[in-house]
Amino acid sequence: MFWSASPAAAAHLSAATPGSSGPTSLDDATEKATNAAGWVQENWGTWLTSGLQIVLILVIAVVLRHVIRRTITKFIERMNRTAAAAQGTALGGLLVNAERRRQRSEAIGSVLRSVASFVIMGTAALTVLSVLKINLAPLLASAGVAGVAIGFGARNLVTDFLSGVFMILEDQYGVGDEIDAGVATGTVIEVGLRVTKLRGPNGAIWYIRNGEVKRIGNLSQGWSTAAVDVVLAADQDLQRARDTITTAGEEMSKSEPWNEQLWEPVQVLGLSEVHLDTVTISVAAKTMPGKALGVERELRWRIKHALDAAGVHLAPRPLPEDEEAEATDPSAGMAAPSALNNPLSPQSLATNPIAAPSKLGK
């Protein structure tokens, strides 16, 4: 402890231990009270100093924690206000997802506030124990062993948490992004420190632990590519088909809402496949992130109408093997003629039952 008894107080205490006779007169009681008062007077300064130190440490820790947490909160709020202001502009509506940025900033702020509170209050607790003259070595050793045990027991939880922190800090994906996480593909509806929620194409909600994600393909960052293959008959005019497809792409890029979703003109890349009876023309366009599928469907619709109006015919659909065989030989599905179909043929007569002989007369 941080105090030591005076020799007189020690003698007094030894006299008051079990087995002693105790004070027997007024002089002994007076001496005992005097020694106790002297012991208190001798150590009260140490007590006061230690108490003031503990109070000062706690006050500093509480004030510092409040200031840091408030600073982090104001910083996060300013980030959210900036995102909300940018969302109202034309360019911000295309490039900034306010909900995604809000959740990302809130998650980062929560982590920073928790880390700040843990570090400040933990340091204050250890400082108070050192002021009380308590040996911290056994305590730290025990905490280290407990931490290792907890780390082994909850290693998956720690892995998920750390992976989630780095995913958020690196902005790998956010709310509204279309991602391929390997184990599932869909639209991100919630980003957490331990679990990420996706909504799949069929409406199913997938809960993916962040520690289980080994790779992430973000389909909503930067730009996307809409690719369409047009299969024509081999005897069609390719230059006419090229001009028709180019014109259809230009008209699409000038109409709403495709003028915002198409970031570059529709390009006819050329022939990607050439067969004996068909040719394939590849068409591509750079689009807004996450809008490639819609652009592809609309582009196929317009190309088909434009080719029909220009008199350019698409390649016929190949028939399955059984249908192709029937189309090649119509009689292949017919049964072979049989002599049994004619009741007068010898074969039919031979199959008729033999009549029973009539009764012979006596």
Protein backbone atom coordinates (compact mmCIF):
# COMPACT_ATOMS: atom_id res chain seq x y z
CA MET A 1 0.00 0.00 0.00
CA PHE A 2 0.99 3.67 -0.08
CA TRP A 3 1.19 4.23 3.70
CA SER A 4 3.27 2.87 6.58
CA ALA A 5 2.47 2.94 10.27
CA SER A 6 4.65 4.80 12.76
CA PRO A 7 6.49 2.79 15.46
CA ALA A 8 4.09 4.06 18.12
CA ALA A 9 1.06 3.03 16.07
CA ALA A 10 2.64 -0.35 15.39
CA ALA A 11 3.20 -0.86 19.09
CA HIS A 12 -0.37 0.15 19.76
CA LEU A 13 -1.70 -2.27 17.16
CA SER A 14 0.43 -5.10 18.50
CA ALA A 15 -0.92 -4.41 21.95
CA ALA A 16 -4.49 -4.66 20.62
CA THR A 17 -3.98 -7.99 18.89
CA PRO A 18 -5.80 -11.12 20.11
CA GLY A 19 -4.20 -12.59 23.17
CA SER A 20 -3.21 -9.22 24.67
CA SER A 21 -4.87 -7.79 27.75
CA GLY A 22 -5.83 -4.46 26.03
CA PRO A 23 -5.87 -1.01 27.68
CA THR A 24 -6.31 -1.18 31.45
CA SER A 25 -6.26 2.44 32.40
CA LEU A 26 -7.15 5.92 31.24
CA ASP A 27 -3.51 6.60 30.43
CA ASP A 28 -3.38 3.63 28.01
CA ALA A 29 -6.55 4.79 26.24
CA THR A 30 -5.17 8.29 25.92
CA GLU A 31 -1.92 6.94 24.51
CA LYS A 32 -3.83 4.82 21.99
CA ALA A 33 -5.89 7.76 20.77
CA THR A 34 -2.79 9.92 20.52
CA ASN A 35 -0.97 7.32 18.44
CA ALA A 36 -3.96 6.87 16.11
CA ALA A 37 -4.24 10.61 15.59
CA GLY A 38 -0.54 10.81 14.88
CA TRP A 39 -0.79 7.99 12.33
CA VAL A 40 -3.67 9.75 10.55
CA GLN A 41 -1.85 13.08 10.63
CA GLU A 42 1.24 11.42 9.22
CA ASN A 43 -0.53 9.79 6.24
CA TRP A 44 -3.36 12.15 5.39
CA GLY A 45 -1.16 14.09 3.01
CA THR A 46 -0.42 10.94 1.00
CA TRP A 47 -4.10 10.07 0.88
CA LEU A 48 -5.05 13.54 -0.26
CA THR A 49 -2.37 13.58 -2.94
CA SER A 50 -3.37 10.16 -4.28
CA GLY A 51 -7.08 11.04 -4.24
CA LEU A 52 -6.47 14.27 -6.14
CA GLN A 53 -4.38 12.40 -8.69
CA ILE A 54 -7.14 9.81 -9.24
CA VAL A 55 -9.81 12.48 -9.58
CA LEU A 56 -7.65 14.45 -12.02
CA ILE A 57 -6.96 11.33 -14.11
CA LEU A 58 -10.67 10.46 -14.31
CA VAL A 59 -11.67 14.03 -15.17
CA ILE A 60 -9.06 14.26 -17.92
CA ALA A 61 -10.10 10.87 -19.32
CA VAL A 62 -13.83 11.72 -19.37
CA VAL A 63 -13.26 15.16 -20.92
CA LEU A 64 -10.83 13.81 -23.52
CA ARG A 65 -13.21 10.98 -24.44
CA HIS A 66 -16.13 13.40 -24.81
CA VAL A 67 -14.11 15.81 -26.96
CA ILE A 68 -12.78 13.10 -29.28
CA ARG A 69 -16.16 11.40 -29.71
CA ARG A 70 -17.84 14.73 -30.41
CA THR A 71 -15.16 15.66 -32.92
CA ILE A 72 -15.63 12.34 -34.73
CA THR A 73 -19.42 12.79 -34.74
CA LYS A 74 -19.18 16.31 -36.20
CA PHE A 75 -16.76 15.10 -38.86
CA ILE A 76 -19.15 12.31 -39.90
CA GLU A 77 -22.09 14.74 -39.99
CA ARG A 78 -20.14 17.11 -42.21
CA MET A 79 -19.35 14.23 -44.59
CA ASN A 80 -23.05 13.34 -44.76
CA ARG A 81 -24.05 16.97 -45.42
CA THR A 82 -21.51 17.17 -48.23
CA ALA A 83 -22.89 13.98 -49.79
CA ALA A 84 -26.48 15.24 -49.47
CA ALA A 85 -25.57 18.53 -51.14
CA ALA A 86 -23.83 16.75 -54.00
CA GLN A 87 -26.82 14.45 -54.44
CA GLY A 88 -28.95 17.40 -55.51
CA THR A 89 -26.74 18.25 -58.48
CA ALA A 90 -26.92 16.59 -61.90
CA LEU A 91 -23.40 15.18 -61.72
CA GLY A 92 -23.80 14.15 -58.09
CA GLY A 93 -26.93 12.23 -58.93
CA LEU A 94 -24.88 10.08 -61.29
CA LEU A 95 -21.70 9.62 -59.26
CA VAL A 96 -22.67 9.89 -55.59
CA ASN A 97 -24.86 7.49 -53.65
CA ALA A 98 -25.90 9.38 -50.53
CA GLU A 99 -27.19 6.32 -48.68
CA ARG A 100 -24.03 4.40 -49.45
CA ARG A 101 -21.81 7.22 -48.23
CA ARG A 102 -23.94 7.75 -45.13
CA GLN A 103 -23.73 4.12 -44.05
CA ARG A 104 -20.03 3.99 -44.78
CA SER A 105 -19.34 7.13 -42.75
CA GLU A 106 -21.54 5.94 -39.87
CA ALA A 107 -19.73 2.62 -39.73
CA ILE A 108 -16.32 4.31 -39.76
CA GLY A 109 -17.46 6.75 -37.07
CA SER A 110 -18.73 3.93 -34.86
CA VAL A 111 -15.42 2.10 -35.12
CA LEU A 112 -13.39 5.23 -34.38
CA ARG A 113 -15.54 6.16 -31.38
CA SER A 114 -15.28 2.66 -29.93
CA VAL A 115 -11.50 2.55 -30.39
CA ALA A 116 -11.07 6.01 -28.84
CA SER A 117 -13.20 5.10 -25.80
CA PHE A 118 -11.36 1.82 -25.27
CA VAL A 119 -7.90 3.38 -25.49
CA ILE A 120 -8.67 6.41 -23.29
CA MET A 121 -10.58 4.61 -20.54
CA GLY A 122 -8.19 1.66 -20.53
CA THR A 123 -5.19 3.96 -20.14
CA ALA A 124 -6.97 5.86 -17.34
CA ALA A 125 -7.76 2.63 -15.46
CA LEU A 126 -4.14 1.46 -15.61
CA THR A 127 -2.92 4.87 -14.43
CA VAL A 128 -5.29 4.81 -11.44
CA LEU A 129 -4.05 1.36 -10.46
CA SER A 130 -0.46 2.54 -10.65
CA VAL A 131 -1.29 5.51 -8.37
CA LEU A 132 -2.71 3.03 -5.83
CA LYS A 133 0.66 1.21 -5.85
CA ILE A 134 -0.93 -1.95 -7.25
CA ASN A 135 1.45 -4.24 -9.15
CA LEU A 136 0.18 -4.37 -12.73
CA ALA A 137 2.38 -7.23 -13.92
CA PRO A 138 0.08 -10.09 -12.77
CA LEU A 139 -2.97 -8.23 -14.05
CA LEU A 140 -1.45 -7.63 -17.50
CA ALA A 141 -0.27 -11.23 -17.69
CA SER A 142 -3.75 -12.51 -16.84
CA ALA A 143 -5.33 -10.15 -19.38
CA GLY A 144 -2.89 -11.36 -22.03
CA VAL A 145 -3.73 -15.02 -21.39
CA ALA A 146 -7.47 -14.25 -21.42
CA GLY A 147 -7.09 -12.28 -24.64
CA VAL A 148 -5.30 -15.18 -26.34
CA ALA A 149 -8.01 -17.62 -25.19
CA ILE A 150 -10.80 -15.35 -26.41
CA GLY A 151 -8.95 -14.78 -29.66
CA PHE A 152 -8.75 -18.52 -30.37
CA GLY A 153 -12.36 -19.10 -29.37
CA ALA A 154 -13.79 -16.18 -31.38
CA ARG A 155 -11.30 -16.09 -34.24
CA ASN A 156 -14.05 -16.21 -36.87
CA LEU A 157 -15.80 -13.25 -35.25
CA VAL A 158 -12.55 -11.29 -35.11
CA THR A 159 -11.82 -12.17 -38.74
CA ASP A 160 -15.28 -11.00 -39.85
CA PHE A 161 -14.95 -7.77 -37.90
CA LEU A 162 -11.50 -6.88 -39.22
CA SER A 163 -12.48 -7.77 -42.79
CA GLY A 164 -15.55 -5.57 -42.50
CA VAL A 165 -13.49 -2.65 -41.20
CA PHE A 166 -11.05 -2.84 -44.12
CA MET A 167 -13.86 -3.29 -46.67
CA ILE A 168 -15.50 -0.10 -45.43
CA LEU A 169 -12.26 1.88 -45.14
CA GLU A 170 -11.19 0.88 -48.67
CA ASP A 171 -14.70 1.53 -50.05
CA GLN A 172 -14.77 -1.80 -51.86
CA TYR A 173 -18.56 -1.64 -52.20
CA GLY A 174 -21.55 0.17 -50.73
CA VAL A 175 -25.33 0.25 -50.55
CA GLY A 176 -26.85 0.00 -54.02
CA ASP A 177 -23.81 -1.60 -55.67
CA GLU A 178 -24.18 -4.72 -57.78
CA ILE A 179 -21.41 -7.07 -56.64
CA ASP A 180 -20.20 -10.61 -57.20
CA ALA A 181 -18.90 -11.90 -53.86
CA GLY A 182 -18.13 -15.40 -55.08
CA VAL A 183 -20.60 -17.13 -52.77
CA ALA A 184 -23.49 -14.91 -53.93
CA THR A 185 -24.32 -12.19 -56.44
CA GLY A 186 -26.77 -9.36 -55.98
CA THR A 187 -27.42 -5.78 -54.92
CA VAL A 188 -25.98 -4.57 -51.61
CA ILE A 189 -28.76 -3.47 -49.24
CA GLU A 190 -26.76 -3.20 -46.00
CA VAL A 191 -23.08 -3.08 -45.08
CA GLY A 192 -22.10 -4.12 -41.56
CA LEU A 193 -18.86 -4.73 -39.75
CA ARG A 194 -19.58 -8.47 -39.51
CA VAL A 195 -22.20 -9.28 -42.18
CA THR A 196 -23.08 -7.89 -45.62
CA LYS A 197 -26.66 -8.27 -46.90
CA LEU A 198 -27.31 -8.83 -50.61
CA ARG A 199 -30.57 -9.11 -52.52
CA GLY A 200 -30.22 -11.67 -55.28
CA PRO A 201 -31.77 -11.52 -58.75
CA ASN A 202 -34.69 -13.70 -57.63
CA GLY A 203 -35.39 -11.53 -54.58
CA ALA A 204 -33.61 -13.72 -52.02
CA ILE A 205 -31.62 -11.92 -49.29
CA TRP A 206 -28.14 -13.31 -48.72
CA TYR A 207 -26.27 -12.80 -45.44
CA ILE A 208 -22.54 -13.03 -46.17
CA ARG A 209 -19.93 -13.02 -43.42
CA ASN A 210 -17.21 -10.56 -44.32
CA GLY A 211 -14.48 -12.98 -43.32
CA GLU A 212 -15.72 -15.54 -45.87
CA VAL A 213 -15.41 -13.19 -48.84
CA LYS A 214 -12.23 -13.99 -50.75
CA ARG A 215 -12.90 -11.86 -53.81
CA ILE A 216 -15.33 -9.10 -54.76
CA GLY A 217 -16.33 -8.01 -58.23
CA ASN A 218 -18.04 -4.61 -58.14
CA LEU A 219 -20.25 -4.12 -61.17
CA SER A 220 -21.33 -0.60 -60.19
CA GLN A 221 -18.07 1.34 -60.06
CA GLY A 222 -16.68 3.29 -63.00
CA TRP A 223 -18.70 2.14 -66.01
CA SER A 224 -20.31 -0.95 -67.54
CA THR A 225 -20.34 -2.41 -71.04
CA ALA A 226 -23.48 -3.42 -72.90
CA ALA A 227 -22.67 -6.15 -75.47
CA VAL A 228 -25.09 -7.40 -78.14
CA ASP A 229 -24.46 -10.07 -80.80
CA VAL A 230 -26.52 -9.86 -84.00
CA VAL A 231 -26.65 -13.13 -85.98
CA LEU A 232 -27.42 -12.62 -89.69
CA ALA A 233 -27.76 -14.95 -92.60
CA ALA A 234 -24.53 -15.31 -94.55
CA ASP A 235 -26.06 -13.96 -97.80
CA GLN A 236 -27.10 -10.58 -96.30
CA ASP A 237 -25.52 -7.22 -97.16
CA LEU A 238 -23.10 -6.64 -94.26
CA GLN A 239 -22.41 -2.98 -95.05
CA ARG A 240 -26.11 -2.23 -95.11
CA ALA A 241 -26.54 -4.09 -91.82
CA ARG A 242 -23.66 -2.10 -90.30
CA ASP A 243 -25.15 1.24 -91.34
CA THR A 244 -28.60 0.22 -90.08
CA ILE A 245 -27.24 -0.80 -86.65
CA THR A 246 -25.22 2.42 -86.37
CA THR A 247 -28.27 4.52 -87.16
CA ALA A 248 -30.36 2.65 -84.58
CA GLY A 249 -27.67 3.28 -81.96
CA GLU A 250 -27.53 7.00 -82.74
CA GLU A 251 -31.30 7.34 -82.43
CA MET A 252 -31.23 5.50 -79.12
CA SER A 253 -28.48 7.77 -77.73
CA LYS A 254 -30.66 10.83 -78.44
CA SER A 255 -33.84 9.57 -76.72
CA GLU A 256 -34.79 9.63 -73.03
CA PRO A 257 -33.66 8.08 -70.70
CA TRP A 258 -30.99 6.36 -72.75
CA ASN A 259 -29.10 9.58 -73.45
CA GLU A 260 -28.03 9.62 -69.76
CA GLN A 261 -27.32 5.91 -69.50
CA LEU A 262 -25.21 5.75 -72.66
CA TRP A 263 -21.83 7.36 -71.97
CA GLU A 264 -20.36 6.72 -75.43
CA PRO A 265 -21.85 6.14 -78.90
CA VAL A 266 -22.92 2.63 -79.82
CA GLN A 267 -20.06 0.96 -81.69
CA VAL A 268 -20.25 -1.80 -84.29
CA LEU A 269 -17.10 -3.80 -83.55
CA GLY A 270 -17.31 -6.02 -86.64
CA LEU A 271 -17.67 -9.75 -87.25
CA SER A 272 -16.97 -11.97 -84.28
CA GLU A 273 -18.01 -15.27 -85.91
CA VAL A 274 -18.29 -16.43 -89.52
CA HIS A 275 -19.96 -19.74 -90.38
CA LEU A 276 -21.15 -21.38 -93.54
CA ASP A 277 -24.71 -20.10 -93.22
CA THR A 278 -24.50 -17.37 -90.52
CA VAL A 279 -22.36 -14.41 -89.49
CA THR A 280 -22.30 -12.67 -86.09
CA ILE A 281 -21.89 -8.89 -85.73
CA SER A 282 -20.72 -7.64 -82.29
CA VAL A 283 -22.16 -4.38 -80.97
CA ALA A 284 -20.98 -2.68 -77.74
CA ALA A 285 -21.65 0.51 -75.79
CA LYS A 286 -20.22 2.03 -72.59
CA THR A 287 -23.01 2.68 -70.09
CA MET A 288 -23.66 4.01 -66.63
CA PRO A 289 -22.69 1.51 -63.90
CA GLY A 290 -25.38 -1.09 -63.30
CA LYS A 291 -27.41 -0.13 -66.41
CA ALA A 292 -25.85 -2.52 -68.94
CA LEU A 293 -28.66 -5.10 -68.92
CA GLY A 294 -31.38 -2.55 -69.57
CA VAL A 295 -29.37 -0.96 -72.38
CA GLU A 296 -28.77 -4.37 -73.96
CA ARG A 297 -32.48 -5.20 -74.02
CA GLU A 298 -33.43 -1.86 -75.54
CA LEU A 299 -30.61 -2.06 -78.08
CA ARG A 300 -31.72 -5.53 -79.26
CA TRP A 301 -35.28 -4.25 -79.64
CA ARG A 302 -34.23 -1.28 -81.76
CA ILE A 303 -31.76 -3.26 -83.87
CA LYS A 304 -34.40 -5.90 -84.68
CA HIS A 305 -36.94 -3.29 -85.83
CA ALA A 306 -34.32 -1.38 -87.82
CA LEU A 307 -33.09 -4.51 -89.63
CA ASP A 308 -36.64 -5.57 -90.48
CA ALA A 309 -37.37 -2.12 -91.90
CA ALA A 310 -34.14 -2.23 -93.95
CA GLY A 311 -34.88 -5.68 -95.34
CA VAL A 312 -31.93 -7.35 -93.63
CA HIS A 313 -32.90 -10.79 -92.36
CA LEU A 314 -31.61 -12.50 -89.31
CA ALA A 315 -30.36 -16.07 -89.47
CA PRO A 316 -33.05 -18.72 -88.97
CA ARG A 317 -33.09 -20.50 -85.67
CA PRO A 318 -31.37 -23.89 -85.89
CA LEU A 319 -33.75 -26.80 -85.40
CA PRO A 320 -33.16 -29.53 -82.81
CA GLU A 321 -31.84 -32.84 -84.06
CA ASP A 322 -35.18 -34.67 -83.93
CA GLU A 323 -37.03 -31.82 -85.68
CA GLU A 324 -34.26 -31.57 -88.26
CA ALA A 325 -34.56 -35.27 -89.07
CA GLU A 326 -38.31 -34.97 -89.56
CA ALA A 327 -37.89 -31.93 -91.80
CA THR A 328 -35.30 -33.73 -93.93
CA ASP A 329 -37.32 -36.97 -94.45
CA PRO A 330 -41.08 -36.54 -93.91
CA SER A 331 -41.63 -40.27 -94.30
CA ALA A 332 -39.11 -41.09 -91.57
CA GLY A 333 -41.82 -41.03 -88.95
CA MET A 334 -44.20 -43.26 -90.98
CA ALA A 335 -44.48 -47.01 -90.41
CA ALA A 336 -43.41 -49.38 -93.21
CA PRO A 337 -46.25 -50.80 -95.36
CA SER A 338 -47.42 -54.26 -94.31
CA ALA A 339 -49.14 -57.01 -96.30
CA LEU A 340 -51.32 -57.70 -93.28
CA ASN A 341 -53.20 -54.45 -93.95
CA ASN A 342 -54.90 -56.14 -96.98
CA PRO A 343 -57.42 -58.73 -95.72
CA LEU A 344 -57.34 -60.60 -99.08
CA SER A 345 -53.58 -61.03 -99.17
CA PRO A 346 -52.22 -64.55 -98.60
CA GLN A 347 -50.49 -63.31 -95.46
CA SER A 348 -53.78 -62.10 -93.98
CA LEU A 349 -55.60 -65.30 -94.97
CA ALA A 350 -52.87 -67.36 -93.40
CA THR A 351 -53.44 -65.61 -90.10
CA ASN A 352 -57.20 -66.35 -90.06
CA PRO A 353 -58.17 -69.04 -87.53
CA ILE A 354 -58.96 -72.51 -88.95
CA ALA A 355 -62.63 -73.44 -88.66
CA ALA A 356 -63.52 -76.51 -86.60
CA PRO A 357 -64.46 -79.66 -88.69
CA SER A 358 -68.15 -80.57 -88.86
CA LYS A 359 -69.42 -83.80 -87.14
CA LEU A 360 -69.12 -86.93 -89.25
CA GLY A 361 -72.25 -89.04 -89.73
CA LYS A 362 -72.52 -92.46 -88.18
